Amino acid sequence: MDKAIKAAAWVFVIIGGVINVVFLFAPDTERYPMWALAPVLIGVVLLLVYVSRRKRIQE
């Protein structure tokens, strides 16, 4: 279960990073869409869950 959480978190972070880089370098976008941050934030939350679960297991 922990490996699945970690893998899903990294997938969200990587996909979110790619989306954000595309929007940052796109010449025709006037405003930066805030929804582009959602995958990165989901990935960060999942990584925090993974770290807290590992910490609890080690104690």
PDB file of N, CA and C in Angstrom:
ATOM      1  N   MET A   1       0.823  -1.198   0.000  1.00  0.00           N
ATOM      2  CA  MET A   1       0.000   0.000   0.000  1.00  0.00           C
ATOM      3  C   MET A   1       0.864   1.257   0.000  1.00  0.00           C
ATOM      4  N   ASP A   2       1.945   1.231   0.796  1.00  0.00           N
ATOM      5  CA  ASP A   2       2.799   2.411   0.866  1.00  0.00           C
ATOM      6  C   ASP A   2       3.495   2.680  -0.459  1.00  0.00           C
ATOM      7  N   LYS A   3       3.890   1.620  -1.151  1.00  0.00           N
ATOM      8  CA  LYS A   3       4.540   1.810  -2.450  1.00  0.00           C
ATOM      9  C   LYS A   3       3.574   2.403  -3.460  1.00  0.00           C
ATOM     10  N   ALA A   4       2.311   2.003  -3.375  1.00  0.00           N
ATOM     11  CA  ALA A   4       1.305   2.540  -4.288  1.00  0.00           C
ATOM     12  C   ALA A   4       1.069   4.021  -4.025  1.00  0.00           C
ATOM     13  N   ILE A   5       1.035   4.407  -2.762  1.00  0.00           N
ATOM     14  CA  ILE A   5       0.852   5.821  -2.416  1.00  0.00           C
ATOM     15  C   ILE A   5       2.036   6.634  -2.916  1.00  0.00           C
ATOM     16  N   LYS A   6       3.234   6.114  -2.697  1.00  0.00           N
ATOM     17  CA  LYS A   6       4.438   6.822  -3.133  1.00  0.00           C
ATOM     18  C   LYS A   6       4.475   6.943  -4.658  1.00  0.00           C
ATOM     19  N   ALA A   7       4.145   5.873  -5.357  1.00  0.00           N
ATOM     20  CA  ALA A   7       4.149   5.899  -6.820  1.00  0.00           C
ATOM     21  C   ALA A   7       3.106   6.869  -7.361  1.00  0.00           C
ATOM     22  N   ALA A   8       1.910   6.836  -6.782  1.00  0.00           N
ATOM     23  CA  ALA A   8       0.858   7.753  -7.224  1.00  0.00           C
ATOM     24  C   ALA A   8       1.249   9.199  -6.958  1.00  0.00           C
ATOM     25  N   ALA A   9       1.876   9.442  -5.826  1.00  0.00           N
ATOM     26  CA  ALA A   9       2.307  10.800  -5.499  1.00  0.00           C
ATOM     27  C   ALA A   9       3.311  11.308  -6.517  1.00  0.00           C
ATOM     28  N   TRP A  10       4.294  10.486  -6.859  1.00  0.00           N
ATOM     29  CA  TRP A  10       5.298  10.925  -7.832  1.00  0.00           C
ATOM     30  C   TRP A  10       4.696  11.101  -9.216  1.00  0.00           C
ATOM     31  N   VAL A  11       3.724  10.275  -9.577  1.00  0.00           N
ATOM     32  CA  VAL A  11       3.058  10.446 -10.873  1.00  0.00           C
ATOM     33  C   VAL A  11       2.343  11.790 -10.916  1.00  0.00           C
ATOM     34  N   PHE A  12       1.615  12.134  -9.847  1.00  0.00           N
ATOM     35  CA  PHE A  12       0.928  13.421  -9.800  1.00  0.00           C
ATOM     36  C   PHE A  12       1.914  14.581  -9.854  1.00  0.00           C
ATOM     37  N   VAL A  13       3.016  14.479  -9.129  1.00  0.00           N
ATOM     38  CA  VAL A  13       4.000  15.565  -9.116  1.00  0.00           C
ATOM     39  C   VAL A  13       4.624  15.740 -10.498  1.00  0.00           C
ATOM     40  N   ILE A  14       4.962  14.642 -11.154  1.00  0.00           N
ATOM     41  CA  ILE A  14       5.588  14.739 -12.477  1.00  0.00           C
ATOM     42  C   ILE A  14       4.608  15.278 -13.509  1.00  0.00           C
ATOM     43  N   ILE A  15       3.383  14.757 -13.515  1.00  0.00           N
ATOM     44  CA  ILE A  15       2.376  15.254 -14.461  1.00  0.00           C
ATOM     45  C   ILE A  15       2.091  16.730 -14.203  1.00  0.00           C
ATOM     46  N   GLY A  16       1.950  17.093 -12.941  1.00  0.00           N
ATOM     47  CA  GLY A  16       1.716  18.496 -12.609  1.00  0.00           C
ATOM     48  C   GLY A  16       2.873  19.381 -13.012  1.00  0.00           C
ATOM     49  N   GLY A  17       4.092  18.891 -12.839  1.00  0.00           N
ATOM     50  CA  GLY A  17       5.259  19.662 -13.255  1.00  0.00           C
ATOM     51  C   GLY A  17       5.282  19.888 -14.755  1.00  0.00           C
ATOM     52  N   VAL A  18       4.961  18.857 -15.516  1.00  0.00           N
ATOM     53  CA  VAL A  18       4.923  18.994 -16.975  1.00  0.00           C
ATOM     54  C   VAL A  18       3.844  19.988 -17.390  1.00  0.00           C
ATOM     55  N   ILE A  19       2.669  19.887 -16.792  1.00  0.00           N
ATOM     56  CA  ILE A  19       1.584  20.819 -17.113  1.00  0.00           C
ATOM     57  C   ILE A  19       2.005  22.252 -16.807  1.00  0.00           C
ATOM     58  N   ASN A  20       2.640  22.462 -15.665  1.00  0.00           N
ATOM     59  CA  ASN A  20       3.050  23.810 -15.293  1.00  0.00           C
ATOM     60  C   ASN A  20       4.129  24.353 -16.214  1.00  0.00           C
ATOM     61  N   VAL A  21       5.075  23.525 -16.610  1.00  0.00           N
ATOM     62  CA  VAL A  21       6.117  23.982 -17.536  1.00  0.00           C
ATOM     63  C   VAL A  21       5.507  24.350 -18.881  1.00  0.00           C
ATOM     64  N   VAL A  22       4.552  23.559 -19.351  1.00  0.00           N
ATOM     65  CA  VAL A  22       3.895  23.867 -20.623  1.00  0.00           C
ATOM     66  C   VAL A  22       3.189  25.215 -20.542  1.00  0.00           C
ATOM     67  N   PHE A  23       2.461  25.468 -19.461  1.00  0.00           N
ATOM     68  CA  PHE A  23       1.762  26.741 -19.335  1.00  0.00           C
ATOM     69  C   PHE A  23       2.720  27.910 -19.155  1.00  0.00           C
ATOM     70  N   LEU A  24       3.843  27.690 -18.491  1.00  0.00           N
ATOM     71  CA  LEU A  24       4.792  28.782 -18.299  1.00  0.00           C
ATOM     72  C   LEU A  24       5.454  29.201 -19.603  1.00  0.00           C
ATOM     73  N   PHE A  25       5.712  28.251 -20.494  1.00  0.00           N
ATOM     74  CA  PHE A  25       6.404  28.568 -21.740  1.00  0.00           C
ATOM     75  C   PHE A  25       5.474  28.746 -22.930  1.00  0.00           C
ATOM     76  N   ALA A  26       4.183  28.618 -22.749  1.00  0.00           N
ATOM     77  CA  ALA A  26       3.236  28.821 -23.845  1.00  0.00           C
ATOM     78  C   ALA A  26       3.104  30.319 -24.115  1.00  0.00           C
ATOM     79  N   PRO A  27       3.325  30.727 -25.349  1.00  0.00           N
ATOM     80  CA  PRO A  27       3.310  32.165 -25.643  1.00  0.00           C
ATOM     81  C   PRO A  27       1.913  32.777 -25.709  1.00  0.00           C
ATOM     82  N   ASP A  28       0.893  31.970 -25.887  1.00  0.00           N
ATOM     83  CA  ASP A  28      -0.440  32.529 -26.101  1.00  0.00           C
ATOM     84  C   ASP A  28      -1.331  32.527 -24.859  1.00  0.00           C
ATOM     85  N   THR A  29      -0.804  32.165 -23.707  1.00  0.00           N
ATOM     86  CA  THR A  29      -1.629  32.174 -22.499  1.00  0.00           C
ATOM     87  C   THR A  29      -1.529  33.532 -21.823  1.00  0.00           C
ATOM     88  N   GLU A  30      -2.675  34.128 -21.555  1.00  0.00           N
ATOM     89  CA  GLU A  30      -2.697  35.438 -20.908  1.00  0.00           C
ATOM     90  C   GLU A  30      -2.603  35.299 -19.398  1.00  0.00           C
ATOM     91  N   ARG A  31      -3.408  34.424 -18.843  1.00  0.00           N
ATOM     92  CA  ARG A  31      -3.406  34.206 -17.392  1.00  0.00           C
ATOM     93  C   ARG A  31      -2.974  32.791 -17.096  1.00  0.00           C
ATOM     94  N   TYR A  32      -2.329  32.637 -15.963  1.00  0.00           N
ATOM     95  CA  TYR A  32      -1.895  31.309 -15.535  1.00  0.00           C
ATOM     96  C   TYR A  32      -3.079  30.599 -14.884  1.00  0.00           C
ATOM     97  N   PRO A  33      -3.478  29.421 -15.382  1.00  0.00           N
ATOM     98  CA  PRO A  33      -4.632  28.733 -14.796  1.00  0.00           C
ATOM     99  C   PRO A  33      -4.277  28.097 -13.449  1.00  0.00           C
ATOM    100  N   MET A  34      -5.057  28.415 -12.448  1.00  0.00           N
ATOM    101  CA  MET A  34      -4.776  27.905 -11.107  1.00  0.00           C
ATOM    102  C   MET A  34      -5.011  26.398 -11.002  1.00  0.00           C
ATOM    103  N   TRP A  35      -5.857  25.843 -11.871  1.00  0.00           N
ATOM    104  CA  TRP A  35      -6.092  24.403 -11.812  1.00  0.00           C
ATOM    105  C   TRP A  35      -4.827  23.625 -12.166  1.00  0.00           C
ATOM    106  N   ALA A  36      -3.856  24.269 -12.807  1.00  0.00           N
ATOM    107  CA  ALA A  36      -2.622  23.576 -13.177  1.00  0.00           C
ATOM    108  C   ALA A  36      -1.803  23.192 -11.946  1.00  0.00           C
ATOM    109  N   LEU A  37      -2.050  23.845 -10.825  1.00  0.00           N
ATOM    110  CA  LEU A  37      -1.339  23.514  -9.595  1.00  0.00           C
ATOM    111  C   LEU A  37      -1.944  22.309  -8.872  1.00  0.00           C
ATOM    112  N   ALA A  38      -3.156  21.918  -9.241  1.00  0.00           N
ATOM    113  CA  ALA A  38      -3.855  20.836  -8.537  1.00  0.00           C
ATOM    114  C   ALA A  38      -3.085  19.510  -8.530  1.00  0.00           C
ATOM    115  N   PRO A  39      -2.558  19.027  -9.661  1.00  0.00           N
ATOM    116  CA  PRO A  39      -1.834  17.745  -9.593  1.00  0.00           C
ATOM    117  C   PRO A  39      -0.604  17.802  -8.696  1.00  0.00           C
ATOM    118  N   VAL A  40       0.098  18.927  -8.710  1.00  0.00           N
ATOM    119  CA  VAL A  40       1.280  19.058  -7.851  1.00  0.00           C
ATOM    120  C   VAL A  40       0.862  19.037  -6.387  1.00  0.00           C
ATOM    121  N   LEU A  41      -0.197  19.754  -6.051  1.00  0.00           N
ATOM    122  CA  LEU A  41      -0.656  19.786  -4.660  1.00  0.00           C
ATOM    123  C   LEU A  41      -1.153  18.414  -4.203  1.00  0.00           C
ATOM    124  N   ILE A  42      -1.847  17.704  -5.073  1.00  0.00           N
ATOM    125  CA  ILE A  42      -2.303  16.353  -4.732  1.00  0.00           C
ATOM    126  C   ILE A  42      -1.101  15.443  -4.492  1.00  0.00           C
ATOM    127  N   GLY A  43      -0.093  15.554  -5.344  1.00  0.00           N
ATOM    128  CA  GLY A  43       1.111  14.751  -5.168  1.00  0.00           C
ATOM    129  C   GLY A  43       1.831  15.058  -3.873  1.00  0.00           C
ATOM    130  N   VAL A  44       1.909  16.332  -3.508  1.00  0.00           N
ATOM    131  CA  VAL A  44       2.569  16.718  -2.258  1.00  0.00           C
ATOM    132  C   VAL A  44       1.804  16.166  -1.058  1.00  0.00           C
ATOM    133  N   VAL A  45       0.493  16.250  -1.095  1.00  0.00           N
ATOM    134  CA  VAL A  45      -0.314  15.713   0.006  1.00  0.00           C
ATOM    135  C   VAL A  45      -0.116  14.198   0.121  1.00  0.00           C
ATOM    136  N   LEU A  46      -0.095  13.504  -1.006  1.00  0.00           N
ATOM    137  CA  LEU A  46       0.128  12.055  -0.962  1.00  0.00           C
ATOM    138  C   LEU A  46       1.516  11.719  -0.426  1.00  0.00           C
ATOM    139  N   LEU A  47       2.522  12.505  -0.781  1.00  0.00           N
ATOM    140  CA  LEU A  47       3.859  12.271  -0.229  1.00  0.00           C
ATOM    141  C   LEU A  47       3.882  12.509   1.275  1.00  0.00           C
ATOM    142  N   LEU A  48       3.156  13.513   1.738  1.00  0.00           N
ATOM    143  CA  LEU A  48       3.077  13.752   3.182  1.00  0.00           C
ATOM    144  C   LEU A  48       2.391  12.589   3.894  1.00  0.00           C
ATOM    145  N   VAL A  49       1.353  12.040   3.288  1.00  0.00           N
ATOM    146  CA  VAL A  49       0.680  10.874   3.863  1.00  0.00           C
ATOM    147  C   VAL A  49       1.644   9.697   3.924  1.00  0.00           C
ATOM    148  N   TYR A  50       2.397   9.495   2.858  1.00  0.00           N
ATOM    149  CA  TYR A  50       3.375   8.401   2.821  1.00  0.00           C
ATOM    150  C   TYR A  50       4.425   8.559   3.917  1.00  0.00           C
ATOM    151  N   VAL A  51       4.959   9.758   4.070  1.00  0.00           N
ATOM    152  CA  VAL A  51       5.993   9.997   5.081  1.00  0.00           C
ATOM    153  C   VAL A  51       5.430   9.812   6.480  1.00  0.00           C
ATOM    154  N   SER A  52       4.230  10.316   6.736  1.00  0.00           N
ATOM    155  CA  SER A  52       3.656  10.179   8.076  1.00  0.00           C
ATOM    156  C   SER A  52       3.338   8.716   8.401  1.00  0.00           C
ATOM    157  N   ARG A  53       2.919   7.940   7.411  1.00  0.00           N
ATOM    158  CA  ARG A  53       2.651   6.515   7.651  1.00  0.00           C
ATOM    159  C   ARG A  53       3.938   5.768   7.952  1.00  0.00           C
ATOM    160  N   ARG A  54       5.003   6.075   7.235  1.00  0.00           N
ATOM    161  CA  ARG A  54       6.291   5.409   7.495  1.00  0.00           C
ATOM    162  C   ARG A  54       6.823   5.773   8.865  1.00  0.00           C
ATOM    163  N   LYS A  55       6.640   7.032   9.247  1.00  0.00           N
ATOM    164  CA  LYS A  55       7.116   7.476  10.558  1.00  0.00           C
ATOM    165  C   LYS A  55       6.354   6.753  11.664  1.00  0.00           C
ATOM    166  N   ARG A  56       5.043   6.602  11.477  1.00  0.00           N
ATOM    167  CA  ARG A  56       4.219   5.934  12.480  1.00  0.00           C
ATOM    168  C   ARG A  56       4.582   4.457  12.586  1.00  0.00           C
ATOM    169  N   ILE A  57       4.900   3.826  11.464  1.00  0.00           N
ATOM    170  CA  ILE A  57       5.268   2.407  11.472  1.00  0.00           C
ATOM    171  C   ILE A  57       6.608   2.206  12.184  1.00  0.00           C
ATOM    172  N   GLN A  58       7.542   3.135  12.007  1.00  0.00           N
ATOM    173  CA  GLN A  58       8.859   3.005  12.619  1.00  0.00           C
ATOM    174  C   GLN A  58       8.815   3.193  14.130  1.00  0.00           C
ATOM    175  N   GLU A  59       7.831   3.904  14.631  1.00  0.00           N
ATOM    176  CA  GLU A  59       7.748   4.154  16.082  1.00  0.00           C
ATOM    177  C   GLU A  59       7.227   2.983  16.837  1.00  0.00           C
TER     178      GLU A  59
END
